[in-house]
C-alpha atoms as a PDB file:
ATOM      1  CA  MET A   1      -0.349   0.149  -0.026  1.00  0.00           C
ATOM      2  CA  PRO A   2       1.755   3.180  -0.975  1.00  0.00           C
ATOM      3  CA  SER A   3       2.068   5.570   1.436  1.00  0.00           C
ATOM      4  CA  PHE A   4       3.238   9.543   1.935  1.00  0.00           C
ATOM      5  CA  GLU A   5       5.071  10.903   5.022  1.00  0.00           C
ATOM      6  CA  TYR A   6       5.482  14.074   6.572  1.00  0.00           C
ATOM      7  CA  VAL A   7       7.256  15.509   9.727  1.00  0.00           C
ATOM      8  CA  SER A   8       6.254  18.775  11.098  1.00  0.00           C
ATOM      9  CA  THR A   9       7.621  19.836  14.041  1.00  0.00           C
ATOM     10  CA  TYR A  10       6.418  23.878  14.042  1.00  0.00           C
ATOM     11  CA  SER A  11       2.927  25.092  14.993  1.00  0.00           C
ATOM     12  CA  SER A  12       3.203  28.465  12.571  1.00  0.00           C
ATOM     13  CA  PHE A  13       3.950  26.221   9.755  1.00  0.00           C
ATOM     14  CA  TYR A  14       0.224  25.614   9.250  1.00  0.00           C
ATOM     15  CA  ASP A  15      -0.403  29.709   9.583  1.00  0.00           C
ATOM     16  CA  TYR A  16      -0.035  29.864   5.898  1.00  0.00           C
ATOM     17  CA  PRO A  17      -2.992  27.390   3.881  1.00  0.00           C
ATOM     18  CA  TYR A  18      -1.137  26.630   0.052  1.00  0.00           C
ATOM     19  CA  ARG A  19       1.349  25.267   3.078  1.00  0.00           C
ATOM     20  CA  LEU A  20      -1.760  22.761   2.952  1.00  0.00           C
ATOM     21  CA  CYS A  21      -1.649  21.673  -0.870  1.00  0.00           C
ATOM     22  CA  SER A  22       1.415  19.332  -0.130  1.00  0.00           C
ATOM     23  CA  ILE A  23      -0.529  16.942   1.545  1.00  0.00           C
ATOM     24  CA  GLU A  24      -4.056  17.414  -0.454  1.00  0.00           C
ATOM     25  CA  SER A  25      -1.996  17.466  -3.580  1.00  0.00           C
ATOM     26  CA  ALA A  26      -0.388  13.529  -2.433  1.00  0.00           C
ATOM     27  CA  GLY A  27      -3.474  12.406  -0.992  1.00  0.00           C
ATOM     28  CA  ARG A  28      -5.446  13.228  -4.775  1.00  0.00           C
ATOM     29  CA  VAL A  29      -2.675  11.129  -6.338  1.00  0.00           C
ATOM     30  CA  LEU A  30      -2.683   8.126  -4.219  1.00  0.00           C
ATOM     31  CA  PRO A  31      -4.928   4.937  -4.801  1.00  0.00           C
ATOM     32  CA  ASP A  32      -7.588   4.313  -3.033  1.00  0.00           C
ATOM     33  CA  SER A  33      -5.545   2.120  -0.661  1.00  0.00           C
ATOM     34  CA  GLY A  34      -2.763   4.784   0.099  1.00  0.00           C
ATOM     35  CA  ARG A  35      -2.827   6.769   2.635  1.00  0.00           C
ATOM     36  CA  VAL A  36      -1.174   9.923   3.537  1.00  0.00           C
ATOM     37  CA  LYS A  37       0.606  10.377   7.331  1.00  0.00           C
ATOM     38  CA  VAL A  38       1.306  13.599   9.017  1.00  0.00           C
ATOM     39  CA  PHE A  39       3.779  13.188  11.720  1.00  0.00           C
ATOM     40  CA  THR A  40       3.564  16.210  13.611  1.00  0.00           C
ATOM     41  CA  SER A  41       3.669  18.163  17.065  1.00  0.00           C
ATOM     42  CA  TYR A  42       0.721  19.704  16.905  1.00  0.00           C
ATOM     43  CA  VAL A  43      -2.135  17.530  16.031  1.00  0.00           C
ATOM     44  CA  GLU A  44      -5.177  19.586  17.090  1.00  0.00           C
ATOM     45  CA  ASP A  45      -3.873  22.695  14.804  1.00  0.00           C
ATOM     46  CA  LEU A  46      -3.707  20.638  11.955  1.00  0.00           C
ATOM     47  CA  ARG A  47      -6.612  19.014  12.280  1.00  0.00           C
ATOM     48  CA  THR A  48      -8.694  22.316  12.425  1.00  0.00           C
ATOM     49  CA  LYS A  49      -6.976  23.440   9.477  1.00  0.00           C
ATOM     50  CA  LEU A  50      -7.100  20.623   7.181  1.00  0.00           C
ATOM     51  CA  PRO A  51      -9.992  20.812   4.798  1.00  0.00           C
ATOM     52  CA  PRO A  52     -12.821  18.364   5.884  1.00  0.00           C
ATOM     53  CA  SER A  53     -12.652  16.383   2.010  1.00  0.00           C
ATOM     54  CA  LEU A  54      -9.153  15.026   3.307  1.00  0.00           C
ATOM     55  CA  GLU A  55     -10.040  13.506   6.282  1.00  0.00           C
ATOM     56  CA  HIS A  56     -10.600   9.929   4.938  1.00  0.00           C
ATOM     57  CA  LYS A  57      -7.366  10.055   3.425  1.00  0.00           C
ATOM     58  CA  VAL A  58      -5.343  11.607   5.878  1.00  0.00           C
ATOM     59  CA  ASP A  59      -3.763  10.175   9.171  1.00  0.00           C
ATOM     60  CA  ILE A  60      -2.376  12.731  11.786  1.00  0.00           C
ATOM     61  CA  VAL A  61      -0.300  11.031  13.785  1.00  0.00           C
ATOM     62  CA  ALA A  62       1.853  12.752  17.339  1.00  0.00           C
ATOM     63  CA  ILE A  63       5.020  12.541  16.971  1.00  0.00           C
ATOM     64  CA  ASP A  64       6.376  10.244  20.229  1.00  0.00           C
ATOM     65  CA  PRO A  65      10.455  10.383  19.281  1.00  0.00           C
ATOM     66  CA  THR A  66      10.613   7.490  21.661  1.00  0.00           C
ATOM     67  CA  LYS A  67       8.777   5.456  19.883  1.00  0.00           C
ATOM     68  CA  LEU A  68       9.753   6.245  16.551  1.00  0.00           C
ATOM     69  CA  PHE A  69      13.912   5.945  17.552  1.00  0.00           C
ATOM     70  CA  GLU A  70      13.071   2.658  19.418  1.00  0.00           C
ATOM     71  CA  GLY A  71      14.660  -0.277  17.696  1.00  0.00           C
ATOM     72  CA  THR A  72      16.765   1.957  15.245  1.00  0.00           C
ATOM     73  CA  PRO A  73      20.462   3.244  15.890  1.00  0.00           C
ATOM     74  CA  LEU A  74      19.510   6.861  17.369  1.00  0.00           C
ATOM     75  CA  SER A  75      17.647   4.726  20.023  1.00  0.00           C
ATOM     76  CA  GLU A  76      20.830   5.474  22.234  1.00  0.00           C
ATOM     77  CA  TRP A  77      21.415   8.905  20.826  1.00  0.00           C
ATOM     78  CA  TYR A  78      17.727  10.132  21.316  1.00  0.00           C
ATOM     79  CA  GLU A  79      17.510   8.501  24.967  1.00  0.00           C
ATOM     80  CA  ASN A  80      21.080  10.552  25.760  1.00  0.00           C
ATOM     81  CA  ARG A  81      19.215  14.224  24.496  1.00  0.00           C
ATOM     82  CA  SER A  82      22.507  14.256  22.313  1.00  0.00           C
ATOM     83  CA  PHE A  83      21.025  16.320  19.684  1.00  0.00           C
ATOM     84  CA  GLU A  84      20.547  18.896  22.282  1.00  0.00           C
ATOM     85  CA  SER A  85      24.519  19.573  21.976  1.00  0.00           C
ATOM     86  CA  SER A  86      23.814  20.276  18.203  1.00  0.00           C
ATOM     87  CA  PRO A  87      24.557  23.638  16.919  1.00  0.00           C
ATOM     88  CA  PHE A  88      21.002  23.601  15.499  1.00  0.00           C
ATOM     89  CA  PRO A  89      19.151  21.085  18.160  1.00  0.00           C
ATOM     90  CA  GLY A  90      15.569  21.604  16.238  1.00  0.00           C
ATOM     91  CA  TYR A  91      16.600  20.796  12.541  1.00  0.00           C
ATOM     92  CA  THR A  92      18.752  17.964  13.441  1.00  0.00           C
ATOM     93  CA  LEU A  93      15.949  16.562  15.612  1.00  0.00           C
ATOM     94  CA  ALA A  94      13.671  16.631  12.868  1.00  0.00           C
ATOM     95  CA  ASP A  95      16.289  15.570  10.108  1.00  0.00           C
ATOM     96  CA  ALA A  96      16.827  12.738  12.085  1.00  0.00           C
ATOM     97  CA  LEU A  97      13.075  12.072  12.544  1.00  0.00           C
ATOM     98  CA  ARG A  98      11.744  11.950   9.147  1.00  0.00           C
ATOM     99  CA  LEU A  99      14.949   8.957   8.844  1.00  0.00           C
ATOM    100  CA  ALA A 100      13.408   7.300  12.023  1.00  0.00           C
ATOM    101  CA  VAL A 101       9.854   7.569   9.872  1.00  0.00           C
ATOM    102  CA  LEU A 102      11.223   5.701   7.234  1.00  0.00           C
ATOM    103  CA  PHE A 103      12.602   3.159   8.711  1.00  0.00           C
ATOM    104  CA  GLN A 104       9.683   2.212  10.999  1.00  0.00           C
ATOM    105  CA  TYR A 105       7.002   2.628   8.133  1.00  0.00           C
ATOM    106  CA  GLY A 106       8.710   2.973   4.547  1.00  0.00           C
ATOM    107  CA  GLY A 107       7.188   4.362   2.336  1.00  0.00           C
ATOM    108  CA  PHE A 108       7.863   8.233   0.668  1.00  0.00           C
ATOM    109  CA  TYR A 109       8.764  11.278   2.911  1.00  0.00           C
ATOM    110  CA  LEU A 110       8.146  14.672   1.409  1.00  0.00           C
ATOM    111  CA  ASP A 111       8.950  18.255   2.891  1.00  0.00           C
ATOM    112  CA  LEU A 112       5.449  20.343   3.519  1.00  0.00           C
ATOM    113  CA  ASP A 113       6.755  22.688   0.461  1.00  0.00           C
ATOM    114  CA  ILE A 114       6.710  20.030  -2.167  1.00  0.00           C
ATOM    115  CA  ILE A 115       3.819  19.341  -3.869  1.00  0.00           C
ATOM    116  CA  VAL A 116       2.578  16.079  -5.990  1.00  0.00           C
ATOM    117  CA  LEU A 117       2.033  16.653  -9.455  1.00  0.00           C
ATOM    118  CA  SER A 118       1.766  13.118 -10.671  1.00  0.00           C
ATOM    119  CA  GLU A 119       1.291   9.713  -9.799  1.00  0.00           C
ATOM    120  CA  THR A 120       4.423   9.181 -11.704  1.00  0.00           C
ATOM    121  CA  LEU A 121       6.821   9.745  -8.387  1.00  0.00           C
ATOM    122  CA  PHE A 122       5.894   6.154  -7.044  1.00  0.00           C
ATOM    123  CA  SER A 123       8.230   4.520  -9.756  1.00  0.00           C
ATOM    124  CA  ARG A 124      11.584   5.560  -8.251  1.00  0.00           C
ATOM    125  CA  HIS A 125      11.929   3.329  -5.321  1.00  0.00           C
ATOM    126  CA  SER A 126      14.854   3.493  -2.804  1.00  0.00           C
ATOM    127  CA  ALA A 127      15.521   7.118  -4.075  1.00  0.00           C
ATOM    128  CA  LEU A 128      16.872  10.557  -3.218  1.00  0.00           C
ATOM    129  CA  ALA A 129      16.350  13.675  -5.248  1.00  0.00           C
ATOM    130  CA  ARG A 130      19.247  15.921  -6.610  1.00  0.00           C
ATOM    131  CA  ASP A 131      18.806  19.830  -5.131  1.00  0.00           C
ATOM    132  CA  ALA A 132      17.747  22.349  -7.987  1.00  0.00           C
ATOM    133  CA  ASN A 133      21.618  22.878  -8.349  1.00  0.00           C
ATOM    134  CA  GLY A 134      21.629  19.484  -9.815  1.00  0.00           C
ATOM    135  CA  VAL A 135      24.815  18.386  -7.857  1.00  0.00           C
ATOM    136  CA  GLN A 136      24.023  17.365  -4.341  1.00  0.00           C
ATOM    137  CA  VAL A 137      21.065  15.371  -3.402  1.00  0.00           C
ATOM    138  CA  ASN A 138      18.957  16.411  -0.055  1.00  0.00           C
ATOM    139  CA  ASN A 139      16.782  14.862   2.176  1.00  0.00           C
ATOM    140  CA  ALA A 140      13.216  16.772   1.473  1.00  0.00           C
ATOM    141  CA  LEU A 141      12.280  13.697  -0.782  1.00  0.00           C
ATOM    142  CA  LEU A 142      12.953  10.042   0.462  1.00  0.00           C
ATOM    143  CA  ASN A 143      11.421   6.823  -1.335  1.00  0.00           C
ATOM    144  CA  PHE A 144      12.545   3.685   0.992  1.00  0.00           C
ATOM    145  CA  PRO A 145      11.212   0.798   2.086  1.00  0.00           C
ATOM    146  CA  SER A 146      11.123   0.033   5.726  1.00  0.00           C
ATOM    147  CA  GLY A 147      14.373  -1.154   7.522  1.00  0.00           C
ATOM    148  CA  HIS A 148      16.348  -0.172   4.024  1.00  0.00           C
ATOM    149  CA  PRO A 149      20.221  -0.269   4.711  1.00  0.00           C
ATOM    150  CA  PHE A 150      20.752   2.864   3.609  1.00  0.00           C
ATOM    151  CA  LEU A 151      18.708   4.758   6.120  1.00  0.00           C
ATOM    152  CA  SER A 152      20.613   2.629   8.623  1.00  0.00           C
ATOM    153  CA  LEU A 153      23.862   4.665   7.345  1.00  0.00           C
ATOM    154  CA  LEU A 154      22.549   7.519   7.789  1.00  0.00           C
ATOM    155  CA  MET A 155      21.346   7.431  10.978  1.00  0.00           C
ATOM    156  CA  ASN A 156      25.189   5.759  12.134  1.00  0.00           C
ATOM    157  CA  ASN A 157      26.820   8.937  10.673  1.00  0.00           C
ATOM    158  CA  LEU A 158      24.171  11.625  11.754  1.00  0.00           C
ATOM    159  CA  PRO A 159      25.243  12.012  15.332  1.00  0.00           C
ATOM    160  CA  GLU A 160      28.883  12.675  14.059  1.00  0.00           C
ATOM    161  CA  TYR A 161      27.444  15.617  11.416  1.00  0.00           C
ATOM    162  CA  SER A 162      25.387  17.125  14.381  1.00  0.00           C
ATOM    163  CA  GLN A 163      28.373  18.330  15.776  1.00  0.00           C
ATOM    164  CA  HIS A 164      29.630  20.596  12.619  1.00  0.00           C
ATOM    165  CA  GLN A 165      29.236  23.516  12.261  1.00  0.00           C
ATOM    166  CA  GLY A 166      26.565  25.356   9.465  1.00  0.00           C
ATOM    167  CA  TRP A 167      22.874  24.814   8.366  1.00  0.00           C
ATOM    168  CA  GLY A 168      22.019  21.289   6.814  1.00  0.00           C
ATOM    169  CA  THR A 169      24.585  19.226   7.866  1.00  0.00           C
ATOM    170  CA  THR A 170      22.219  16.927   9.180  1.00  0.00           C
ATOM    171  CA  GLY A 171      20.357  17.228   5.989  1.00  0.00           C
ATOM    172  CA  PRO A 172      21.443  18.348   2.413  1.00  0.00           C
ATOM    173  CA  SER A 173      25.241  17.599   3.568  1.00  0.00           C
ATOM    174  CA  LEU A 174      24.744  14.130   5.418  1.00  0.00           C
ATOM    175  CA  VAL A 175      22.875  12.719   2.536  1.00  0.00           C
ATOM    176  CA  SER A 176      24.963  14.022  -0.305  1.00  0.00           C
ATOM    177  CA  GLU A 177      28.363  12.884   1.265  1.00  0.00           C
ATOM    178  CA  ILE A 178      27.060   9.499   2.313  1.00  0.00           C
ATOM    179  CA  PHE A 179      25.322   8.435  -0.916  1.00  0.00           C
ATOM    180  CA  GLN A 180      28.800   9.597  -2.711  1.00  0.00           C
ATOM    181  CA  GLN A 181      31.011   7.559  -0.412  1.00  0.00           C
ATOM    182  CA  CYS A 182      28.878   4.619  -0.408  1.00  0.00           C
ATOM    183  CA  SER A 183      28.140   4.808  -4.214  1.00  0.00           C
ATOM    184  CA  THR A 184      31.848   5.673  -5.588  1.00  0.00           C
ATOM    185  CA  SER A 185      32.954   2.559  -3.048  1.00  0.00           C
ATOM    186  CA  HIS A 186      30.042   0.214  -4.353  1.00  0.00           C
ATOM    187  CA  HIS A 187      28.829  -0.134  -0.798  1.00  0.00           C
ATOM    188  CA  ARG A 188      26.438  -2.590  -0.606  1.00  0.00           C
ATOM    189  CA  ASP A 189      24.045  -0.584   1.615  1.00  0.00           C
ATOM    190  CA  CYS A 190      23.422   1.532  -1.556  1.00  0.00           C
ATOM    191  CA  THR A 191      23.767  -0.609  -4.611  1.00  0.00           C
ATOM    192  CA  ASP A 192      19.501   0.262  -5.154  1.00  0.00           C
ATOM    193  CA  VAL A 193      20.070   3.611  -4.453  1.00  0.00           C
ATOM    194  CA  SER A 194      19.133   6.147  -7.149  1.00  0.00           C
ATOM    195  CA  ALA A 195      19.010  10.022  -7.472  1.00  0.00           C
ATOM    196  CA  MET A 196      16.399  11.522  -8.931  1.00  0.00           C
ATOM    197  CA  PRO A 197      17.177  14.255 -11.734  1.00  0.00           C
ATOM    198  CA  ALA A 198      16.304  17.492 -10.370  1.00  0.00           C
ATOM    199  CA  HIS A 199      14.123  18.542 -12.997  1.00  0.00           C
ATOM    200  CA  HIS A 200      11.436  15.975 -11.920  1.00  0.00           C
ATOM    201  CA  HIS A 201      10.660  18.242  -8.986  1.00  0.00           C
ATOM    202  CA  ALA A 202      12.942  21.086  -9.154  1.00  0.00           C
ATOM    203  CA  PRO A 203      11.877  22.474 -12.631  1.00  0.00           C
ATOM    204  CA  TYR A 204      12.720  26.277 -11.797  1.00  0.00           C
ATOM    205  CA  LEU A 205      15.768  27.450  -9.966  1.00  0.00           C
ATOM    206  CA  ILE A 206      15.941  28.685  -6.534  1.00  0.00           C
ATOM    207  CA  ASN A 207      16.490  32.412  -6.743  1.00  0.00           C
ATOM    208  CA  HIS A 208      13.539  32.447  -9.446  1.00  0.00           C
ATOM    209  CA  ILE A 209      10.885  29.994  -8.071  1.00  0.00           C
ATOM    210  CA  LYS A 210       8.690  32.779  -6.082  1.00  0.00           C
ATOM    211  CA  GLU A 211       9.075  35.378  -8.965  1.00  0.00           C
ATOM    212  CA  GLN A 212       7.757  32.199 -11.306  1.00  0.00           C
ATOM    213  CA  LEU A 213       5.183  31.250  -9.222  1.00  0.00           C
ATOM    214  CA  LEU A 214       3.379  34.626  -8.048  1.00  0.00           C
ATOM    215  CA  GLY A 215       3.897  35.991 -11.703  1.00  0.00           C
ATOM    216  CA  ARG A 216       0.701  35.905 -14.035  1.00  0.00           C
ATOM    217  CA  ALA A 217       0.102  32.558 -14.890  1.00  0.00           C
ATOM    218  CA  ASN A 218      -0.317  31.794 -18.605  1.00  0.00           C
ATOM    219  CA  SER A 219      -1.235  28.864 -20.202  1.00  0.00           C
ATOM    220  CA  THR A 220       2.189  27.127 -21.732  1.00  0.00           C
ATOM    221  CA  ASP A 221       3.762  27.357 -18.259  1.00  0.00           C
ATOM    222  CA  LEU A 222       0.690  25.358 -16.728  1.00  0.00           C
ATOM    223  CA  VAL A 223       0.697  22.742 -19.552  1.00  0.00           C
ATOM    224  CA  GLU A 224       4.965  22.352 -19.223  1.00  0.00           C
ATOM    225  CA  LEU A 225       4.235  21.732 -15.295  1.00  0.00           C
ATOM    226  CA  LEU A 226       2.103  19.297 -15.572  1.00  0.00           C
ATOM    227  CA  ALA A 227       3.161  17.451 -18.540  1.00  0.00           C
ATOM    228  CA  HIS A 228       6.781  17.225 -18.076  1.00  0.00           C
ATOM    229  CA  HIS A 229       7.424  17.178 -13.876  1.00  0.00           C
ATOM    230  CA  TRP A 230       6.212  14.914 -11.365  1.00  0.00           C
ATOM    231  CA  ALA A 231       6.177  17.580  -8.299  1.00  0.00           C
ATOM    232  CA  LEU A 232       7.134  20.813  -7.807  1.00  0.00           C
ATOM    233  CA  HIS A 233       9.410  22.176  -4.936  1.00  0.00           C
ATOM    234  CA  TYR A 234       9.056  25.851  -3.937  1.00  0.00           C
ATOM    235  CA  TYR A 235      11.268  26.050  -1.245  1.00  0.00           C
ATOM    236  CA  ASN A 236       9.884  27.300   1.999  1.00  0.00           C
ATOM    237  CA  HIS A 237      12.948  29.676   3.228  1.00  0.00           C
ATOM    238  CA  GLN A 238      12.020  31.871   0.773  1.00  0.00           C
ATOM    239  CA  TRP A 239       8.590  32.511   1.583  1.00  0.00           C
ATOM    240  CA  HIS A 240       8.388  33.729   4.936  1.00  0.00           C
ATOM    241  CA  ASP A 241       6.617  36.828   3.440  1.00  0.00           C
ATOM    242  CA  VAL A 242       4.033  35.279   1.588  1.00  0.00           C
ATOM    243  CA  LYS A 243       0.343  35.203   3.820  1.00  0.00           C
ATOM    244  CA  CYS A 244      -1.300  34.482   0.880  1.00  0.00           C
ATOM    245  CA  ILE A 245      -1.919  33.393  -3.393  1.00  0.00           C
ATOM    246  CA  PRO A 246      -2.608  36.159  -5.816  1.00  0.00           C
ATOM    247  CA  ASP A 247      -5.475  35.385  -7.839  1.00  0.00           C
ATOM    248  CA  SER A 248      -4.897  33.968 -11.422  1.00  0.00           C
ATOM    249  CA  SER A 249      -1.044  33.700 -10.642  1.00  0.00           C
ATOM    250  CA  LEU A 250       0.547  30.152 -11.699  1.00  0.00           C
ATOM    251  CA  PHE A 251       0.441  28.904  -8.297  1.00  0.00           C
ATOM    252  CA  ASP A 252      -3.372  29.972  -8.119  1.00  0.00           C
ATOM    253  CA  GLU A 253      -3.601  27.824 -11.085  1.00  0.00           C
ATOM    254  CA  LEU A 254      -1.672  25.333 -10.453  1.00  0.00           C
ATOM    255  CA  MET A 255      -4.087  24.688  -6.794  1.00  0.00           C
ATOM    256  CA  LYS A 256      -7.065  24.866  -8.915  1.00  0.00           C
ATOM    257  CA  LEU A 257      -5.822  21.582  -9.896  1.00  0.00           C
ATOM    258  CA  VAL A 258      -3.750  19.833  -8.091  1.00  0.00           C
ATOM    259  CA  CYS A 259      -4.930  20.819  -4.686  1.00  0.00           C
ATOM    260  CA  PRO A 260      -8.868  22.929  -5.022  1.00  0.00           C
ATOM    261  CA  GLU A 261      -9.752  22.949  -1.785  1.00  0.00           C
ATOM    262  CA  SER A 262      -6.190  24.579  -0.223  1.00  0.00           C
ATOM    263  CA  GLN A 263      -6.091  27.090  -2.767  1.00  0.00           C
ATOM    264  CA  LYS A 264     -10.028  28.226  -1.684  1.00  0.00           C
ATOM    265  CA  LEU A 265      -7.935  28.891   1.791  1.00  0.00           C
ATOM    266  CA  ALA A 266      -4.889  30.361   0.439  1.00  0.00           C
ATOM    267  CA  VAL A 267      -6.011  32.959  -2.342  1.00  0.00           C
ATOM    268  CA  CYS A 268      -5.656  36.167  -1.487  1.00  0.00           C
ATOM    269  CA  VAL A 269      -9.404  38.020  -0.995  1.00  0.00           C
ATOM    270  CA  GLU A 270      -9.429  41.459  -1.607  1.00  0.00           C
ATOM    271  CA  THR A 271     -11.100  43.571   0.675  1.00  0.00           C
ATOM    272  CA  PRO A 272     -13.826  45.973  -0.508  1.00  0.00           C
END
C-alpha cells in the first residue's frame, strides 16, 4: 500500500494555508488504498485547518520520538539527548525524525513545500532527489522501504554530522556525502539507491521560483509544469513573507488543479 509521510515540528507552519497543498496533492494522486501520514507535534492545530474532504485520506499522528527511534541506530543517541549539543538542535532532531519514520514505516517522505503533480513519482524506488543545482542530493524527498540499510547508514553517521558547524549538516550535507561515498565505493547498503534528476521535482532555479509562481499565469507554463514534472519543490525558506497566493497567478492556477480545497483557503481575498 503506497503512502506519503510528512514530519512537522513547527506550529507556525500551518498559519499559511497554501502549505496544505502538499498534503492535499499527495492524497489526490494516491490510489484508494494509499494513505498520507502527517507526524506532527501539533495534532489539533493541523486537524482544525485541514480541509474536511481530506479526512478520509490523511492520518494525523502525534510525534512520539521515543517510539519512533526505538529499534533504530539513533535510539541511544535520542535517549541521551545528544541532539541538544548540536548547533541547531531543532533542525537536527527534525532531520533524524524523518529518517526514523521511513525506517519504521517505509514509503515516501516529502517536505511540506513539495507539491505532488503526478503519480509517476511512485515509480522511483529507493530514491533520493537531486537539489535544484543538479549536483547535491537532499533529504526533502526520500523513498525507501522500511528498514532499508541506506537509512541505517545515514542514521549511523548523523550523530557525527550533528556536531558540525553550519546549517544543513544533518540534512543535505549528510545525505549528499554519504550517498557519494557509498556510490563511489559500491557499498552494499546503497547498490539499489538512485538520485532523481532535479528537473522532475525542481523545475525552476531556486532564486527565481517565487517570482515565477507568483507571476500571472499563462497556459503554456501550466501545461509545461503538469506535462513534464512529477512534483514542484518551491523551497519554503523563501516564502516567509507570503501570507496568501495572488489570484490568477501561476501558483493559484496550479493549486486549482492539484489541491483545490487548499486553494480556496490560500488565495488572497481583496477587501472592499
